[in-house]
Amino acid sequence: MIHIGRAGSKLGSFSEEEVRRGLASGRFSLTDLGWKEGMANWAPLSQFPELTAPPEPEPPLPGETSSDEPAQPAEPAGLPWDDRRERGGIKGFWLTARMVLTSPGEAFARMLQAGSLSGPMLFNLIGGWFGMVIAGIYAIVITRLQPAPAKEMTQLQQLFYLSPDMARQALRLYIVMGPVIVTVVVLAFSVIAHLFLMLAGGANKPFHVTLRVMCFSYGSTQLLQALPFCGSPLATVWLMVCCVTGLAIAHGTTTGRAATAVALFVGACIACCVGAVLLVAANYGAR
């Protein structure tokens, strides 16, 4: 195995064939640093003779006929977002989000489990912030279309009534503080999900692997907020599907254990919300 690093960050450990494919596709560069067992120090990949020399062709099998069609190169590891410097940020984001939404199994099988967390966190920030702002805009539209409130409302009704002014203030908050909110939310979700995955016996990898799954799942599914009316519930349901699939594949555990962890997480969230509503209702009912 060859360990590869770039700009002070480790990209992971790869076989010789994976590094060859990465050099051919542009994912790796000959100036990237590499290290393998037996070496005293890291060295550029250009100094690895086994990588720069052309591989020896395999001998044909007895009776095998030659084909003029070139062999198709193997799909490189990693998500398109990991190659955003070569592909472009917008294209890399869109291709990754589309893969997570349409083929979560393939996406999380290709997801890198080592290296810097700045990429997954940035992906989550972009997608989560977009979804938050879109949801805020839709909230303003809905408050303008809803019937006028009753002239006399109880304190409890006033608490849960969303006026157009409140919706506009919420949108301004989302625009200004959205990146902070999205980052804190995904970190909190990841911690809780990893704890429940540990309880379910499926946490076979460190916490940062769970964080990567949550970042790509949340950042992708929040794009569904753009769909009118059904966007928010659809994003919530598909987020759970992506989390179950991603945790099972990334941690190398069963779908049942991953689903149990997500179910416990959702149940805890629902219990907290119901408890908060009952507490507020009891408080206002006592007045």
C-alpha atoms as a PDB file:
ATOM      1  CA  MET A   1       0.000   0.000   0.000  1.00  0.00           C
ATOM      2  CA  ILE A   2       1.157   3.524  -0.796  1.00  0.00           C
ATOM      3  CA  HIS A   3       0.211   6.373   1.565  1.00  0.00           C
ATOM      4  CA  ILE A   4      -0.373   9.659  -0.295  1.00  0.00           C
ATOM      5  CA  GLY A   5      -0.359  13.200   1.049  1.00  0.00           C
ATOM      6  CA  ARG A   6      -0.860  16.658  -0.402  1.00  0.00           C
ATOM      7  CA  ALA A   7      -0.431  20.120   1.120  1.00  0.00           C
ATOM      8  CA  GLY A   8       0.082  18.720   4.591  1.00  0.00           C
ATOM      9  CA  SER A   9      -3.011  16.471   4.514  1.00  0.00           C
ATOM     10  CA  LYS A  10      -3.147  12.692   4.085  1.00  0.00           C
ATOM     11  CA  LEU A  11      -5.383  11.540   1.248  1.00  0.00           C
ATOM     12  CA  GLY A  12      -5.343   7.893   2.323  1.00  0.00           C
ATOM     13  CA  SER A  13      -3.714   4.569   1.509  1.00  0.00           C
ATOM     14  CA  PHE A  14      -4.010   3.079  -1.965  1.00  0.00           C
ATOM     15  CA  SER A  15      -2.766   0.082  -3.875  1.00  0.00           C
ATOM     16  CA  GLU A  16      -0.244   0.521  -6.664  1.00  0.00           C
ATOM     17  CA  GLU A  17      -2.954  -0.019  -9.274  1.00  0.00           C
ATOM     18  CA  GLU A  18      -5.239   2.595  -7.665  1.00  0.00           C
ATOM     19  CA  VAL A  19      -2.395   5.130  -7.679  1.00  0.00           C
ATOM     20  CA  ARG A  20      -1.697   4.370 -11.336  1.00  0.00           C
ATOM     21  CA  ARG A  21      -5.329   4.978 -12.217  1.00  0.00           C
ATOM     22  CA  GLY A  22      -5.351   8.148 -10.126  1.00  0.00           C
ATOM     23  CA  LEU A  23      -2.314   9.486 -11.985  1.00  0.00           C
ATOM     24  CA  ALA A  24      -3.935   8.653 -15.323  1.00  0.00           C
ATOM     25  CA  SER A  25      -7.238  10.346 -14.421  1.00  0.00           C
ATOM     26  CA  GLY A  26      -5.623  13.420 -12.886  1.00  0.00           C
ATOM     27  CA  ARG A  27      -6.778  12.670  -9.365  1.00  0.00           C
ATOM     28  CA  PHE A  28      -3.167  12.350  -8.232  1.00  0.00           C
ATOM     29  CA  SER A  29      -0.134  14.288  -9.396  1.00  0.00           C
ATOM     30  CA  LEU A  30       3.498  13.228  -9.676  1.00  0.00           C
ATOM     31  CA  THR A  31       4.295  16.065  -7.250  1.00  0.00           C
ATOM     32  CA  ASP A  32       2.081  14.507  -4.527  1.00  0.00           C
ATOM     33  CA  LEU A  33       4.053  12.920  -1.705  1.00  0.00           C
ATOM     34  CA  GLY A  34       4.008   9.171  -1.119  1.00  0.00           C
ATOM     35  CA  TRP A  35       5.324   6.734   1.459  1.00  0.00           C
ATOM     36  CA  LYS A  36       5.331   2.956   1.744  1.00  0.00           C
ATOM     37  CA  GLU A  37       6.753   0.449   4.160  1.00  0.00           C
ATOM     38  CA  GLY A  38      10.539   0.385   4.068  1.00  0.00           C
ATOM     39  CA  MET A  39      10.982   4.066   3.117  1.00  0.00           C
ATOM     40  CA  ALA A  40      12.704   6.431   5.529  1.00  0.00           C
ATOM     41  CA  ASN A  41      10.909   9.602   4.347  1.00  0.00           C
ATOM     42  CA  TRP A  42       8.082  10.759   2.135  1.00  0.00           C
ATOM     43  CA  ALA A  43       9.005  11.320  -1.516  1.00  0.00           C
ATOM     44  CA  PRO A  44       7.226  12.644  -4.641  1.00  0.00           C
ATOM     45  CA  LEU A  45       5.353  10.025  -6.626  1.00  0.00           C
ATOM     46  CA  SER A  46       7.660  10.806  -9.548  1.00  0.00           C
ATOM     47  CA  GLN A  47      10.419   9.022  -7.614  1.00  0.00           C
ATOM     48  CA  PHE A  48       8.464   5.760  -7.430  1.00  0.00           C
ATOM     49  CA  PRO A  49       9.820   3.612 -10.310  1.00  0.00           C
ATOM     50  CA  GLU A  50       6.851   1.242 -10.151  1.00  0.00           C
ATOM     51  CA  LEU A  51       4.490   4.144 -10.868  1.00  0.00           C
ATOM     52  CA  THR A  52       6.389   5.850 -13.672  1.00  0.00           C
ATOM     53  CA  ALA A  53       7.356   2.669 -15.551  1.00  0.00           C
ATOM     54  CA  PRO A  54       4.669   1.242 -17.875  1.00  0.00           C
ATOM     55  CA  PRO A  55       3.075  -1.936 -16.514  1.00  0.00           C
ATOM     56  CA  GLU A  56       3.995  -5.178 -18.186  1.00  0.00           C
ATOM     57  CA  PRO A  57       1.170  -6.521 -20.376  1.00  0.00           C
ATOM     58  CA  GLU A  58      -0.453  -9.730 -19.258  1.00  0.00           C
ATOM     59  CA  PRO A  59       0.224 -12.724 -21.499  1.00  0.00           C
ATOM     60  CA  PRO A  60      -2.817 -13.944 -23.442  1.00  0.00           C
ATOM     61  CA  LEU A  61      -4.614 -17.049 -22.254  1.00  0.00           C
ATOM     62  CA  PRO A  62      -4.256 -20.163 -24.397  1.00  0.00           C
ATOM     63  CA  GLY A  63      -6.779 -19.941 -27.201  1.00  0.00           C
ATOM     64  CA  GLU A  64      -7.609 -16.276 -26.413  1.00  0.00           C
ATOM     65  CA  THR A  65      -8.219 -14.075 -29.432  1.00  0.00           C
ATOM     66  CA  SER A  66      -6.917 -10.528 -29.436  1.00  0.00           C
ATOM     67  CA  SER A  67      -9.357  -7.627 -29.497  1.00  0.00           C
ATOM     68  CA  ASP A  68      -8.757  -4.266 -31.098  1.00  0.00           C
ATOM     69  CA  GLU A  69     -11.135  -2.562 -28.644  1.00  0.00           C
ATOM     70  CA  PRO A  70      -9.263  -0.820 -25.814  1.00  0.00           C
ATOM     71  CA  ALA A  71     -10.075  -1.923 -22.292  1.00  0.00           C
ATOM     72  CA  GLN A  72     -12.312   0.452 -20.358  1.00  0.00           C
ATOM     73  CA  PRO A  73     -10.440   2.113 -17.461  1.00  0.00           C
ATOM     74  CA  ALA A  74     -11.673   1.282 -13.984  1.00  0.00           C
ATOM     75  CA  GLU A  75     -13.745   3.935 -12.247  1.00  0.00           C
ATOM     76  CA  PRO A  76     -11.483   5.962  -9.924  1.00  0.00           C
ATOM     77  CA  ALA A  77     -12.233   5.975  -6.211  1.00  0.00           C
ATOM     78  CA  GLY A  78     -13.683   9.076  -4.587  1.00  0.00           C
ATOM     79  CA  LEU A  79     -16.669  11.278  -5.336  1.00  0.00           C
ATOM     80  CA  PRO A  80     -16.705  13.936  -8.069  1.00  0.00           C
ATOM     81  CA  TRP A  81     -16.545  16.564  -5.307  1.00  0.00           C
ATOM     82  CA  ASP A  82     -13.055  15.288  -4.433  1.00  0.00           C
ATOM     83  CA  ASP A  83     -11.900  16.271  -7.941  1.00  0.00           C
ATOM     84  CA  ARG A  84     -13.544  19.706  -7.875  1.00  0.00           C
ATOM     85  CA  ARG A  85     -10.260  21.462  -8.647  1.00  0.00           C
ATOM     86  CA  GLU A  86     -10.075  19.649 -11.967  1.00  0.00           C
ATOM     87  CA  ARG A  87     -13.821  19.414 -12.700  1.00  0.00           C
ATOM     88  CA  GLY A  88     -14.848  22.787 -11.307  1.00  0.00           C
ATOM     89  CA  GLY A  89     -16.685  23.412  -8.052  1.00  0.00           C
ATOM     90  CA  ILE A  90     -20.214  23.695  -9.468  1.00  0.00           C
ATOM     91  CA  LYS A  91     -19.908  20.600 -11.638  1.00  0.00           C
ATOM     92  CA  GLY A  92     -18.277  18.580  -8.856  1.00  0.00           C
ATOM     93  CA  PHE A  93     -21.011  19.567  -6.398  1.00  0.00           C
ATOM     94  CA  TRP A  94     -23.846  18.807  -8.794  1.00  0.00           C
ATOM     95  CA  LEU A  95     -22.461  15.420  -9.901  1.00  0.00           C
ATOM     96  CA  THR A  96     -21.907  14.370  -6.282  1.00  0.00           C
ATOM     97  CA  ALA A  97     -25.351  15.510  -5.104  1.00  0.00           C
ATOM     98  CA  ARG A  98     -27.017  13.762  -8.037  1.00  0.00           C
ATOM     99  CA  MET A  99     -25.131  10.542  -7.292  1.00  0.00           C
ATOM    100  CA  VAL A 100     -26.087  10.635  -3.602  1.00  0.00           C
ATOM    101  CA  LEU A 101     -29.745  11.329  -4.400  1.00  0.00           C
ATOM    102  CA  THR A 102     -30.135   8.779  -7.202  1.00  0.00           C
ATOM    103  CA  SER A 103     -27.542   6.089  -6.334  1.00  0.00           C
ATOM    104  CA  PRO A 104     -26.620   6.398  -2.643  1.00  0.00           C
ATOM    105  CA  GLY A 105     -25.124   2.909  -2.571  1.00  0.00           C
ATOM    106  CA  GLU A 106     -22.662   3.718  -5.347  1.00  0.00           C
ATOM    107  CA  ALA A 107     -21.896   7.143  -3.878  1.00  0.00           C
ATOM    108  CA  PHE A 108     -20.981   5.920  -0.406  1.00  0.00           C
ATOM    109  CA  ALA A 109     -19.032   2.984  -1.797  1.00  0.00           C
ATOM    110  CA  ARG A 110     -16.837   5.543  -3.571  1.00  0.00           C
ATOM    111  CA  MET A 111     -16.646   8.000  -0.675  1.00  0.00           C
ATOM    112  CA  LEU A 112     -13.135   8.508   0.685  1.00  0.00           C
ATOM    113  CA  GLN A 113     -12.802   7.639   4.355  1.00  0.00           C
ATOM    114  CA  ALA A 114      -9.475   9.402   4.965  1.00  0.00           C
ATOM    115  CA  GLY A 115      -8.028  12.847   4.361  1.00  0.00           C
ATOM    116  CA  SER A 116      -9.128  16.337   5.246  1.00  0.00           C
ATOM    117  CA  LEU A 117     -12.689  16.956   6.477  1.00  0.00           C
ATOM    118  CA  SER A 118     -12.793  20.414   4.899  1.00  0.00           C
ATOM    119  CA  GLY A 119     -14.213  19.022   1.641  1.00  0.00           C
ATOM    120  CA  PRO A 120     -17.210  17.189   3.166  1.00  0.00           C
ATOM    121  CA  MET A 121     -17.898  20.097   5.546  1.00  0.00           C
ATOM    122  CA  LEU A 122     -17.857  22.599   2.661  1.00  0.00           C
ATOM    123  CA  PHE A 123     -20.197  20.369   0.641  1.00  0.00           C
ATOM    124  CA  ASN A 124     -22.615  20.232   3.572  1.00  0.00           C
ATOM    125  CA  LEU A 125     -22.420  23.986   4.072  1.00  0.00           C
ATOM    126  CA  ILE A 126     -23.282  24.749   0.435  1.00  0.00           C
ATOM    127  CA  GLY A 127     -26.196  22.313   0.170  1.00  0.00           C
ATOM    128  CA  GLY A 128     -27.550  22.923   3.670  1.00  0.00           C
ATOM    129  CA  TRP A 129     -27.400  26.704   3.377  1.00  0.00           C
ATOM    130  CA  PHE A 130     -29.158  26.605   0.006  1.00  0.00           C
ATOM    131  CA  GLY A 131     -31.962  24.442   1.398  1.00  0.00           C
ATOM    132  CA  MET A 132     -32.359  26.647   4.460  1.00  0.00           C
ATOM    133  CA  VAL A 133     -32.678  29.844   2.413  1.00  0.00           C
ATOM    134  CA  ILE A 134     -35.134  28.239  -0.022  1.00  0.00           C
ATOM    135  CA  ALA A 135     -37.270  26.991   2.881  1.00  0.00           C
ATOM    136  CA  GLY A 136     -37.257  30.512   4.337  1.00  0.00           C
ATOM    137  CA  ILE A 137     -38.444  31.985   1.038  1.00  0.00           C
ATOM    138  CA  TYR A 138     -41.262  29.445   0.788  1.00  0.00           C
ATOM    139  CA  ALA A 139     -42.273  30.272   4.375  1.00  0.00           C
ATOM    140  CA  ILE A 140     -42.730  33.925   3.419  1.00  0.00           C
ATOM    141  CA  VAL A 141     -44.904  32.928   0.449  1.00  0.00           C
ATOM    142  CA  ILE A 142     -47.040  30.624   2.608  1.00  0.00           C
ATOM    143  CA  THR A 143     -47.584  33.294   5.293  1.00  0.00           C
ATOM    144  CA  ARG A 144     -48.840  35.681   2.624  1.00  0.00           C
ATOM    145  CA  LEU A 145     -51.286  33.108   1.274  1.00  0.00           C
ATOM    146  CA  GLN A 146     -52.646  31.940   4.634  1.00  0.00           C
ATOM    147  CA  PRO A 147     -55.950  33.407   5.891  1.00  0.00           C
ATOM    148  CA  ALA A 148     -55.871  36.328   8.269  1.00  0.00           C
ATOM    149  CA  PRO A 149     -55.600  35.314  11.933  1.00  0.00           C
ATOM    150  CA  ALA A 150     -58.487  35.660  14.312  1.00  0.00           C
ATOM    151  CA  LYS A 151     -58.770  38.994  16.038  1.00  0.00           C
ATOM    152  CA  GLU A 152     -58.487  37.351  19.411  1.00  0.00           C
ATOM    153  CA  MET A 153     -55.912  34.574  19.847  1.00  0.00           C
ATOM    154  CA  THR A 154     -54.811  32.832  22.988  1.00  0.00           C
ATOM    155  CA  GLN A 155     -51.203  33.123  24.065  1.00  0.00           C
ATOM    156  CA  LEU A 156     -50.590  29.557  22.905  1.00  0.00           C
ATOM    157  CA  GLN A 157     -52.016  30.327  19.440  1.00  0.00           C
ATOM    158  CA  GLN A 158     -49.862  33.433  19.213  1.00  0.00           C
ATOM    159  CA  LEU A 159     -46.786  31.361  20.070  1.00  0.00           C
ATOM    160  CA  PHE A 160     -47.266  28.978  17.121  1.00  0.00           C
ATOM    161  CA  TYR A 161     -48.588  31.552  14.657  1.00  0.00           C
ATOM    162  CA  LEU A 162     -46.053  32.474  11.942  1.00  0.00           C
ATOM    163  CA  SER A 163     -46.656  35.981  10.653  1.00  0.00           C
ATOM    164  CA  PRO A 164     -45.115  37.417   7.451  1.00  0.00           C
ATOM    165  CA  ASP A 165     -42.871  39.668   9.566  1.00  0.00           C
ATOM    166  CA  MET A 166     -41.590  36.701  11.551  1.00  0.00           C
ATOM    167  CA  ALA A 167     -40.955  34.765   8.321  1.00  0.00           C
ATOM    168  CA  ARG A 168     -38.940  37.670   6.896  1.00  0.00           C
ATOM    169  CA  GLN A 169     -36.882  37.914  10.088  1.00  0.00           C
ATOM    170  CA  ALA A 170     -36.245  34.167   9.954  1.00  0.00           C
ATOM    171  CA  LEU A 171     -35.057  34.443   6.348  1.00  0.00           C
ATOM    172  CA  ARG A 172     -32.630  37.225   7.265  1.00  0.00           C
ATOM    173  CA  LEU A 173     -31.325  35.024  10.081  1.00  0.00           C
ATOM    174  CA  TYR A 174     -30.886  32.103   7.689  1.00  0.00           C
ATOM    175  CA  ILE A 175     -28.948  34.232   5.209  1.00  0.00           C
ATOM    176  CA  VAL A 176     -26.597  35.694   7.818  1.00  0.00           C
ATOM    177  CA  MET A 177     -26.204  32.801  10.252  1.00  0.00           C
ATOM    178  CA  GLY A 178     -27.027  29.930   7.906  1.00  0.00           C
ATOM    179  CA  PRO A 179     -23.447  28.630   7.525  1.00  0.00           C
ATOM    180  CA  VAL A 180     -22.988  28.486  11.289  1.00  0.00           C
ATOM    181  CA  ILE A 181     -26.376  26.835  11.862  1.00  0.00           C
ATOM    182  CA  VAL A 182     -25.802  24.216   9.150  1.00  0.00           C
ATOM    183  CA  THR A 183     -22.344  23.357  10.466  1.00  0.00           C
ATOM    184  CA  VAL A 184     -23.506  23.045  14.082  1.00  0.00           C
ATOM    185  CA  VAL A 185     -26.520  20.949  13.052  1.00  0.00           C
ATOM    186  CA  VAL A 186     -24.496  18.415  11.055  1.00  0.00           C
ATOM    187  CA  LEU A 187     -21.908  18.106  13.827  1.00  0.00           C
ATOM    188  CA  ALA A 188     -24.613  17.522  16.448  1.00  0.00           C
ATOM    189  CA  PHE A 189     -26.463  15.051  14.189  1.00  0.00           C
ATOM    190  CA  SER A 190     -23.230  13.171  13.522  1.00  0.00           C
ATOM    191  CA  VAL A 191     -22.357  12.863  17.207  1.00  0.00           C
ATOM    192  CA  ILE A 192     -25.822  11.554  18.111  1.00  0.00           C
ATOM    193  CA  ALA A 193     -25.985   9.203  15.101  1.00  0.00           C
ATOM    194  CA  HIS A 194     -22.543   7.777  15.893  1.00  0.00           C
ATOM    195  CA  LEU A 195     -23.514   7.175  19.520  1.00  0.00           C
ATOM    196  CA  PHE A 196     -26.661   5.313  18.481  1.00  0.00           C
ATOM    197  CA  LEU A 197     -24.664   3.356  15.897  1.00  0.00           C
ATOM    198  CA  MET A 198     -22.309   2.329  18.694  1.00  0.00           C
ATOM    199  CA  LEU A 199     -25.304   1.200  20.769  1.00  0.00           C
ATOM    200  CA  ALA A 200     -26.564  -0.806  17.790  1.00  0.00           C
ATOM    201  CA  GLY A 201     -23.146  -2.481  17.464  1.00  0.00           C
ATOM    202  CA  GLY A 202     -22.451  -1.144  13.985  1.00  0.00           C
ATOM    203  CA  ALA A 203     -19.811   1.557  14.561  1.00  0.00           C
ATOM    204  CA  ASN A 204     -16.831  -0.222  12.998  1.00  0.00           C
ATOM    205  CA  LYS A 205     -15.090   2.994  11.907  1.00  0.00           C
ATOM    206  CA  PRO A 206     -14.102   6.223  13.712  1.00  0.00           C
ATOM    207  CA  PHE A 207     -16.423   9.191  14.184  1.00  0.00           C
ATOM    208  CA  HIS A 208     -15.068  11.109  11.198  1.00  0.00           C
ATOM    209  CA  VAL A 209     -16.496   8.444   8.864  1.00  0.00           C
ATOM    210  CA  THR A 210     -19.981   9.052  10.280  1.00  0.00           C
ATOM    211  CA  LEU A 211     -19.425  12.795   9.880  1.00  0.00           C
ATOM    212  CA  ARG A 212     -18.534  12.321   6.202  1.00  0.00           C
ATOM    213  CA  VAL A 213     -21.713  10.317   5.621  1.00  0.00           C
ATOM    214  CA  MET A 214     -23.843  12.978   7.319  1.00  0.00           C
ATOM    215  CA  CYS A 215     -22.191  15.824   5.393  1.00  0.00           C
ATOM    216  CA  PHE A 216     -22.806  14.291   1.968  1.00  0.00           C
ATOM    217  CA  SER A 217     -26.292  13.077   2.938  1.00  0.00           C
ATOM    218  CA  TYR A 218     -27.497  16.372   4.436  1.00  0.00           C
ATOM    219  CA  GLY A 219     -25.818  18.574   1.830  1.00  0.00           C
ATOM    220  CA  SER A 220     -27.408  16.601  -1.003  1.00  0.00           C
ATOM    221  CA  THR A 221     -30.921  16.052   0.330  1.00  0.00           C
ATOM    222  CA  GLN A 222     -31.407  19.707   1.271  1.00  0.00           C
ATOM    223  CA  LEU A 223     -31.462  20.512  -2.430  1.00  0.00           C
ATOM    224  CA  LEU A 224     -34.899  18.875  -2.465  1.00  0.00           C
ATOM    225  CA  GLN A 225     -36.174  21.878  -0.467  1.00  0.00           C
ATOM    226  CA  ALA A 226     -36.445  23.607  -3.848  1.00  0.00           C
ATOM    227  CA  LEU A 227     -39.460  21.422  -4.688  1.00  0.00           C
ATOM    228  CA  PRO A 228     -42.637  23.321  -3.766  1.00  0.00           C
ATOM    229  CA  PHE A 229     -45.022  21.851  -1.175  1.00  0.00           C
ATOM    230  CA  CYS A 230     -43.383  18.389  -0.912  1.00  0.00           C
ATOM    231  CA  GLY A 231     -39.739  19.489  -0.725  1.00  0.00           C
ATOM    232  CA  SER A 232     -39.339  19.563   3.042  1.00  0.00           C
ATOM    233  CA  PRO A 233     -40.917  16.151   3.863  1.00  0.00           C
ATOM    234  CA  LEU A 234     -39.213  14.546   0.870  1.00  0.00           C
ATOM    235  CA  ALA A 235     -35.836  15.908   1.975  1.00  0.00           C
ATOM    236  CA  THR A 236     -36.394  14.517   5.488  1.00  0.00           C
ATOM    237  CA  VAL A 237     -37.377  11.043   4.305  1.00  0.00           C
ATOM    238  CA  TRP A 238     -34.573  10.786   1.745  1.00  0.00           C
ATOM    239  CA  LEU A 239     -32.059  12.032   4.313  1.00  0.00           C
ATOM    240  CA  MET A 240     -32.898   9.020   6.481  1.00  0.00           C
ATOM    241  CA  VAL A 241     -32.570   6.667   3.500  1.00  0.00           C
ATOM    242  CA  CYS A 242     -29.168   8.107   2.574  1.00  0.00           C
ATOM    243  CA  CYS A 243     -27.978   7.941   6.180  1.00  0.00           C
ATOM    244  CA  VAL A 244     -28.956   4.280   6.543  1.00  0.00           C
ATOM    245  CA  THR A 245     -27.295   3.373   3.246  1.00  0.00           C
ATOM    246  CA  GLY A 246     -24.200   5.458   3.919  1.00  0.00           C
ATOM    247  CA  LEU A 247     -23.640   4.253   7.479  1.00  0.00           C
ATOM    248  CA  ALA A 248     -24.061   0.617   6.480  1.00  0.00           C
ATOM    249  CA  ILE A 249     -21.570   0.866   3.609  1.00  0.00           C
ATOM    250  CA  ALA A 250     -19.037   3.195   5.219  1.00  0.00           C
ATOM    251  CA  HIS A 251     -18.904   1.284   8.519  1.00  0.00           C
ATOM    252  CA  GLY A 252     -19.094  -2.127   6.884  1.00  0.00           C
ATOM    253  CA  THR A 253     -22.102  -3.110   8.974  1.00  0.00           C
ATOM    254  CA  THR A 254     -25.547  -4.489   8.238  1.00  0.00           C
ATOM    255  CA  THR A 255     -28.420  -2.372   6.992  1.00  0.00           C
ATOM    256  CA  GLY A 256     -30.415  -3.477  10.028  1.00  0.00           C
ATOM    257  CA  ARG A 257     -27.890  -2.027  12.487  1.00  0.00           C
ATOM    258  CA  ALA A 258     -27.661   1.220  10.516  1.00  0.00           C
ATOM    259  CA  ALA A 259     -31.467   1.456  10.307  1.00  0.00           C
ATOM    260  CA  THR A 260     -31.723   0.831  14.050  1.00  0.00           C
ATOM    261  CA  ALA A 261     -29.311   3.672  14.769  1.00  0.00           C
ATOM    262  CA  VAL A 262     -31.204   6.075  12.480  1.00  0.00           C
ATOM    263  CA  ALA A 263     -34.562   4.990  13.956  1.00  0.00           C
ATOM    264  CA  LEU A 264     -33.290   5.641  17.482  1.00  0.00           C
ATOM    265  CA  PHE A 265     -32.014   9.025  16.352  1.00  0.00           C
ATOM    266  CA  VAL A 266     -35.345   9.977  14.747  1.00  0.00           C
ATOM    267  CA  GLY A 267     -37.239   8.719  17.786  1.00  0.00           C
ATOM    268  CA  ALA A 268     -35.091  10.818  20.116  1.00  0.00           C
ATOM    269  CA  CYS A 269     -35.686  13.924  17.959  1.00  0.00           C
ATOM    270  CA  ILE A 270     -39.452  13.348  17.925  1.00  0.00           C
ATOM    271  CA  ALA A 271     -39.514  12.791  21.678  1.00  0.00           C
ATOM    272  CA  CYS A 272     -37.587  16.032  22.285  1.00  0.00           C
ATOM    273  CA  CYS A 273     -39.929  18.009  20.010  1.00  0.00           C
ATOM    274  CA  VAL A 274     -43.086  16.584  21.586  1.00  0.00           C
ATOM    275  CA  GLY A 275     -41.704  17.185  25.061  1.00  0.00           C
ATOM    276  CA  ALA A 276     -40.858  20.793  24.218  1.00  0.00           C
ATOM    277  CA  VAL A 277     -44.342  21.422  22.781  1.00  0.00           C
ATOM    278  CA  LEU A 278     -46.060  19.867  25.817  1.00  0.00           C
ATOM    279  CA  LEU A 279     -43.853  21.857  28.167  1.00  0.00           C
ATOM    280  CA  VAL A 280     -44.644  25.138  26.420  1.00  0.00           C
ATOM    281  CA  ALA A 281     -48.358  24.287  26.222  1.00  0.00           C
ATOM    282  CA  ALA A 282     -48.471  23.455  29.930  1.00  0.00           C
ATOM    283  CA  ASN A 283     -46.634  26.668  30.756  1.00  0.00           C
ATOM    284  CA  TYR A 284     -49.055  28.831  28.791  1.00  0.00           C
ATOM    285  CA  GLY A 285     -52.057  26.862  30.014  1.00  0.00           C
ATOM    286  CA  ALA A 286     -51.113  27.607  33.608  1.00  0.00           C
ATOM    287  CA  ARG A 287     -51.237  31.364  32.976  1.00  0.00           C
END
